[in-house]
Amino acid sequence: MHELTQGTVTYASAWEVTGGTIELSIEKASTYGDGIVIIKYRDAQNVEAKIKNDLEDI
């Protein structure tokens, strides 16, 4: 945790699952000595729809 709060390490992992990806990371929090665990799930169908909308906006 000391290295994390100093910004010298990054903890992250990702897995591909049926229909999308799962990402797990531990990030530096604003309070010294604290970390934040972040779990993200992205399903392929919604990612494709977002890319399409973004391209239309351009």
PDB file of N, CA and C in Angstrom:
ATOM      1  N   MET A   1       0.826  -1.187   0.000  1.00  0.00           N
ATOM      2  CA  MET A   1       0.000   0.000   0.000  1.00  0.00           C
ATOM      3  C   MET A   1       0.875   1.256   0.000  1.00  0.00           C
ATOM      4  N   HIS A   2       2.027   1.189   0.653  1.00  0.00           N
ATOM      5  CA  HIS A   2       2.913   2.351   0.652  1.00  0.00           C
ATOM      6  C   HIS A   2       3.325   2.715  -0.779  1.00  0.00           C
ATOM      7  N   GLU A   3       3.732   1.710  -1.553  1.00  0.00           N
ATOM      8  CA  GLU A   3       4.145   1.953  -2.941  1.00  0.00           C
ATOM      9  C   GLU A   3       2.982   2.476  -3.770  1.00  0.00           C
ATOM     10  N   LEU A   4       1.793   1.968  -3.516  1.00  0.00           N
ATOM     11  CA  LEU A   4       0.601   2.425  -4.240  1.00  0.00           C
ATOM     12  C   LEU A   4       0.348   3.905  -3.946  1.00  0.00           C
ATOM     13  N   THR A   5       0.402   4.290  -2.674  1.00  0.00           N
ATOM     14  CA  THR A   5       0.127   5.681  -2.332  1.00  0.00           C
ATOM     15  C   THR A   5       1.235   6.609  -2.819  1.00  0.00           C
ATOM     16  N   GLN A   6       2.443   6.079  -3.031  1.00  0.00           N
ATOM     17  CA  GLN A   6       3.537   6.874  -3.568  1.00  0.00           C
ATOM     18  C   GLN A   6       3.447   7.007  -5.088  1.00  0.00           C
ATOM     19  N   GLY A   7       2.605   6.191  -5.704  1.00  0.00           N
ATOM     20  CA  GLY A   7       2.445   6.235  -7.150  1.00  0.00           C
ATOM     21  C   GLY A   7       3.515   5.467  -7.904  1.00  0.00           C
ATOM     22  N   THR A   8       4.219   4.568  -7.216  1.00  0.00           N
ATOM     23  CA  THR A   8       5.307   3.830  -7.869  1.00  0.00           C
ATOM     24  C   THR A   8       4.873   2.474  -8.409  1.00  0.00           C
ATOM     25  N   VAL A   9       3.661   2.030  -8.074  1.00  0.00           N
ATOM     26  CA  VAL A   9       3.152   0.768  -8.619  1.00  0.00           C
ATOM     27  C   VAL A   9       1.701   0.939  -9.049  1.00  0.00           C
ATOM     28  N   THR A  10       1.271   0.061  -9.937  1.00  0.00           N
ATOM     29  CA  THR A  10      -0.119   0.011 -10.375  1.00  0.00           C
ATOM     30  C   THR A  10      -0.567  -1.439 -10.326  1.00  0.00           C
ATOM     31  N   TYR A  11      -1.694  -1.678  -9.736  1.00  0.00           N
ATOM     32  CA  TYR A  11      -2.257  -3.017  -9.698  1.00  0.00           C
ATOM     33  C   TYR A  11      -3.486  -3.053 -10.605  1.00  0.00           C
ATOM     34  N   ALA A  12      -3.457  -3.921 -11.605  1.00  0.00           N
ATOM     35  CA  ALA A  12      -4.591  -4.033 -12.512  1.00  0.00           C
ATOM     36  C   ALA A  12      -4.573  -5.400 -13.172  1.00  0.00           C
ATOM     37  N   SER A  13      -5.765  -5.906 -13.445  1.00  0.00           N
ATOM     38  CA  SER A  13      -5.900  -7.170 -14.147  1.00  0.00           C
ATOM     39  C   SER A  13      -7.203  -7.122 -14.948  1.00  0.00           C
ATOM     40  N   ALA A  14      -7.241  -7.882 -16.036  1.00  0.00           N
ATOM     41  CA  ALA A  14      -8.447  -7.911 -16.871  1.00  0.00           C
ATOM     42  C   ALA A  14      -8.693  -9.326 -17.344  1.00  0.00           C
ATOM     43  N   TRP A  15      -9.961  -9.692 -17.465  1.00  0.00           N
ATOM     44  CA  TRP A  15     -10.364 -11.002 -17.957  1.00  0.00           C
ATOM     45  C   TRP A  15     -11.398 -10.833 -19.048  1.00  0.00           C
ATOM     46  N   GLU A  16     -11.265 -11.632 -20.080  1.00  0.00           N
ATOM     47  CA  GLU A  16     -12.307 -11.677 -21.111  1.00  0.00           C
ATOM     48  C   GLU A  16     -13.289 -12.762 -20.704  1.00  0.00           C
ATOM     49  N   VAL A  17     -14.555 -12.414 -20.697  1.00  0.00           N
ATOM     50  CA  VAL A  17     -15.621 -13.354 -20.373  1.00  0.00           C
ATOM     51  C   VAL A  17     -16.616 -13.350 -21.520  1.00  0.00           C
ATOM     52  N   THR A  18     -17.502 -14.281 -21.518  1.00  0.00           N
ATOM     53  CA  THR A  18     -18.504 -14.348 -22.569  1.00  0.00           C
ATOM     54  C   THR A  18     -19.289 -13.035 -22.613  1.00  0.00           C
ATOM     55  N   GLY A  19     -19.188 -12.334 -23.718  1.00  0.00           N
ATOM     56  CA  GLY A  19     -19.947 -11.111 -23.904  1.00  0.00           C
ATOM     57  C   GLY A  19     -19.268  -9.837 -23.461  1.00  0.00           C
ATOM     58  N   GLY A  20     -18.032  -9.901 -22.942  1.00  0.00           N
ATOM     59  CA  GLY A  20     -17.397  -8.654 -22.525  1.00  0.00           C
ATOM     60  C   GLY A  20     -16.092  -8.868 -21.788  1.00  0.00           C
ATOM     61  N   THR A  21     -15.725  -7.879 -20.944  1.00  0.00           N
ATOM     62  CA  THR A  21     -14.504  -7.963 -20.156  1.00  0.00           C
ATOM     63  C   THR A  21     -14.782  -7.502 -18.730  1.00  0.00           C
ATOM     64  N   ILE A  22     -13.980  -8.011 -17.805  1.00  0.00           N
ATOM     65  CA  ILE A  22     -14.011  -7.590 -16.414  1.00  0.00           C
ATOM     66  C   ILE A  22     -12.632  -7.035 -16.100  1.00  0.00           C
ATOM     67  N   GLU A  23     -12.584  -5.847 -15.501  1.00  0.00           N
ATOM     68  CA  GLU A  23     -11.321  -5.229 -15.116  1.00  0.00           C
ATOM     69  C   GLU A  23     -11.331  -4.994 -13.602  1.00  0.00           C
ATOM     70  N   LEU A  24     -10.211  -5.318 -12.960  1.00  0.00           N
ATOM     71  CA  LEU A  24     -10.042  -5.112 -11.525  1.00  0.00           C
ATOM     72  C   LEU A  24      -8.775  -4.291 -11.319  1.00  0.00           C
ATOM     73  N   SER A  25      -8.864  -3.213 -10.552  1.00  0.00           N
ATOM     74  CA  SER A  25      -7.678  -2.413 -10.281  1.00  0.00           C
ATOM     75  C   SER A  25      -7.739  -1.864  -8.855  1.00  0.00           C
ATOM     76  N   ILE A  26      -6.562  -1.543  -8.326  1.00  0.00           N
ATOM     77  CA  ILE A  26      -6.449  -0.857  -7.042  1.00  0.00           C
ATOM     78  C   ILE A  26      -5.749   0.460  -7.341  1.00  0.00           C
ATOM     79  N   GLU A  27      -6.396   1.553  -6.975  1.00  0.00           N
ATOM     80  CA  GLU A  27      -5.859   2.865  -7.301  1.00  0.00           C
ATOM     81  C   GLU A  27      -5.649   3.680  -6.037  1.00  0.00           C
ATOM     82  N   LYS A  28      -4.783   4.652  -6.157  1.00  0.00           N
ATOM     83  CA  LYS A  28      -4.462   5.551  -5.064  1.00  0.00           C
ATOM     84  C   LYS A  28      -5.683   6.388  -4.698  1.00  0.00           C
ATOM     85  N   ALA A  29      -5.948   6.482  -3.398  1.00  0.00           N
ATOM     86  CA  ALA A  29      -7.041   7.323  -2.920  1.00  0.00           C
ATOM     87  C   ALA A  29      -6.491   8.685  -2.517  1.00  0.00           C
ATOM     88  N   SER A  30      -7.361   9.636  -2.254  1.00  0.00           N
ATOM     89  CA  SER A  30      -6.911  10.977  -1.890  1.00  0.00           C
ATOM     90  C   SER A  30      -6.326  11.025  -0.476  1.00  0.00           C
ATOM     91  N   THR A  31      -6.688  10.066   0.380  1.00  0.00           N
ATOM     92  CA  THR A  31      -6.171  10.006   1.740  1.00  0.00           C
ATOM     93  C   THR A  31      -4.947   9.105   1.769  1.00  0.00           C
ATOM     94  N   TYR A  32      -3.868   9.530   2.409  1.00  0.00           N
ATOM     95  CA  TYR A  32      -2.635   8.748   2.459  1.00  0.00           C
ATOM     96  C   TYR A  32      -2.903   7.386   3.097  1.00  0.00           C
ATOM     97  N   GLY A  33      -2.375   6.350   2.480  1.00  0.00           N
ATOM     98  CA  GLY A  33      -2.505   4.994   2.999  1.00  0.00           C
ATOM     99  C   GLY A  33      -3.772   4.281   2.567  1.00  0.00           C
ATOM    100  N   ASP A  34      -4.640   4.965   1.869  1.00  0.00           N
ATOM    101  CA  ASP A  34      -5.888   4.348   1.412  1.00  0.00           C
ATOM    102  C   ASP A  34      -5.805   4.002  -0.061  1.00  0.00           C
ATOM    103  N   GLY A  35      -6.473   2.933  -0.428  1.00  0.00           N
ATOM    104  CA  GLY A  35      -6.590   2.543  -1.818  1.00  0.00           C
ATOM    105  C   GLY A  35      -8.046   2.316  -2.159  1.00  0.00           C
ATOM    106  N   ILE A  36      -8.353   2.376  -3.420  1.00  0.00           N
ATOM    107  CA  ILE A  36      -9.716   2.165  -3.893  1.00  0.00           C
ATOM    108  C   ILE A  36      -9.710   0.960  -4.824  1.00  0.00           C
ATOM    109  N   VAL A  37     -10.581  -0.001  -4.561  1.00  0.00           N
ATOM    110  CA  VAL A  37     -10.729  -1.153  -5.442  1.00  0.00           C
ATOM    111  C   VAL A  37     -11.813  -0.820  -6.453  1.00  0.00           C
ATOM    112  N   ILE A  38     -11.470  -0.960  -7.737  1.00  0.00           N
ATOM    113  CA  ILE A  38     -12.414  -0.635  -8.803  1.00  0.00           C
ATOM    114  C   ILE A  38     -12.650  -1.883  -9.645  1.00  0.00           C
ATOM    115  N   ILE A  39     -13.909  -2.219  -9.828  1.00  0.00           N
ATOM    116  CA  ILE A  39     -14.292  -3.351 -10.677  1.00  0.00           C
ATOM    117  C   ILE A  39     -15.158  -2.794 -11.793  1.00  0.00           C
ATOM    118  N   LYS A  40     -14.757  -3.068 -13.036  1.00  0.00           N
ATOM    119  CA  LYS A  40     -15.515  -2.600 -14.204  1.00  0.00           C
ATOM    120  C   LYS A  40     -15.928  -3.797 -15.044  1.00  0.00           C
ATOM    121  N   TYR A  41     -17.143  -3.739 -15.545  1.00  0.00           N
ATOM    122  CA  TYR A  41     -17.618  -4.750 -16.491  1.00  0.00           C
ATOM    123  C   TYR A  41     -18.064  -4.028 -17.736  1.00  0.00           C
ATOM    124  N   ARG A  42     -17.535  -4.455 -18.862  1.00  0.00           N
ATOM    125  CA  ARG A  42     -17.944  -3.873 -20.147  1.00  0.00           C
ATOM    126  C   ARG A  42     -18.480  -4.990 -21.021  1.00  0.00           C
ATOM    127  N   ASP A  43     -19.727  -4.849 -21.427  1.00  0.00           N
ATOM    128  CA  ASP A  43     -20.251  -5.851 -22.345  1.00  0.00           C
ATOM    129  C   ASP A  43     -20.079  -5.354 -23.775  1.00  0.00           C
ATOM    130  N   ALA A  44     -19.738  -6.265 -24.658  1.00  0.00           N
ATOM    131  CA  ALA A  44     -19.370  -5.934 -26.038  1.00  0.00           C
ATOM    132  C   ALA A  44     -20.484  -5.186 -26.773  1.00  0.00           C
ATOM    133  N   GLN A  45     -21.724  -5.552 -26.529  1.00  0.00           N
ATOM    134  CA  GLN A  45     -22.841  -4.933 -27.247  1.00  0.00           C
ATOM    135  C   GLN A  45     -22.925  -3.431 -26.936  1.00  0.00           C
ATOM    136  N   ASN A  46     -22.811  -3.046 -25.676  1.00  0.00           N
ATOM    137  CA  ASN A  46     -22.908  -1.630 -25.327  1.00  0.00           C
ATOM    138  C   ASN A  46     -21.678  -0.850 -25.761  1.00  0.00           C
ATOM    139  N   VAL A  47     -20.507  -1.473 -25.759  1.00  0.00           N
ATOM    140  CA  VAL A  47     -19.296  -0.799 -26.228  1.00  0.00           C
ATOM    141  C   VAL A  47     -19.426  -0.473 -27.708  1.00  0.00           C
ATOM    142  N   GLU A  48     -19.927  -1.417 -28.494  1.00  0.00           N
ATOM    143  CA  GLU A  48     -20.118  -1.174 -29.924  1.00  0.00           C
ATOM    144  C   GLU A  48     -21.119  -0.051 -30.164  1.00  0.00           C
ATOM    145  N   ALA A  49     -22.188  -0.015 -29.373  1.00  0.00           N
ATOM    146  CA  ALA A  49     -23.195   1.044 -29.524  1.00  0.00           C
ATOM    147  C   ALA A  49     -22.591   2.406 -29.173  1.00  0.00           C
ATOM    148  N   LYS A  50     -21.761   2.473 -28.137  1.00  0.00           N
ATOM    149  CA  LYS A  50     -21.127   3.736 -27.766  1.00  0.00           C
ATOM    150  C   LYS A  50     -20.178   4.207 -28.863  1.00  0.00           C
ATOM    151  N   ILE A  51     -19.386   3.310 -29.414  1.00  0.00           N
ATOM    152  CA  ILE A  51     -18.466   3.681 -30.494  1.00  0.00           C
ATOM    153  C   ILE A  51     -19.251   4.226 -31.681  1.00  0.00           C
ATOM    154  N   LYS A  52     -20.360   3.575 -32.009  1.00  0.00           N
ATOM    155  CA  LYS A  52     -21.184   4.027 -33.128  1.00  0.00           C
ATOM    156  C   LYS A  52     -21.745   5.426 -32.849  1.00  0.00           C
ATOM    157  N   ASN A  53     -22.233   5.651 -31.645  1.00  0.00           N
ATOM    158  CA  ASN A  53     -22.764   6.992 -31.285  1.00  0.00           C
ATOM    159  C   ASN A  53     -21.673   8.034 -31.322  1.00  0.00           C
ATOM    160  N   ASP A  54     -20.497   7.706 -30.822  1.00  0.00           N
ATOM    161  CA  ASP A  54     -19.379   8.648 -30.833  1.00  0.00           C
ATOM    162  C   ASP A  54     -18.978   9.018 -32.255  1.00  0.00           C
ATOM    163  N   LEU A  55     -18.954   8.042 -33.138  1.00  0.00           N
ATOM    164  CA  LEU A  55     -18.608   8.310 -34.538  1.00  0.00           C
ATOM    165  C   LEU A  55     -19.655   9.179 -35.210  1.00  0.00           C
ATOM    166  N   GLU A  56     -20.903   8.977 -34.851  1.00  0.00           N
ATOM    167  CA  GLU A  56     -21.973   9.816 -35.408  1.00  0.00           C
ATOM    168  C   GLU A  56     -21.840  11.253 -34.931  1.00  0.00           C
ATOM    169  N   ASP A  57     -21.380  11.449 -33.689  1.00  0.00           N
ATOM    170  CA  ASP A  57     -21.195  12.792 -33.140  1.00  0.00           C
ATOM    171  C   ASP A  57     -20.082  13.545 -33.852  1.00  0.00           C
ATOM    172  N   ILE A  58     -19.108  12.794 -34.350  1.00  0.00           N
ATOM    173  CA  ILE A  58     -17.979  13.431 -35.049  1.00  0.00           C
ATOM    174  C   ILE A  58     -18.469  13.889 -36.390  1.00  0.00           C
TER     175      ILE A  58
END
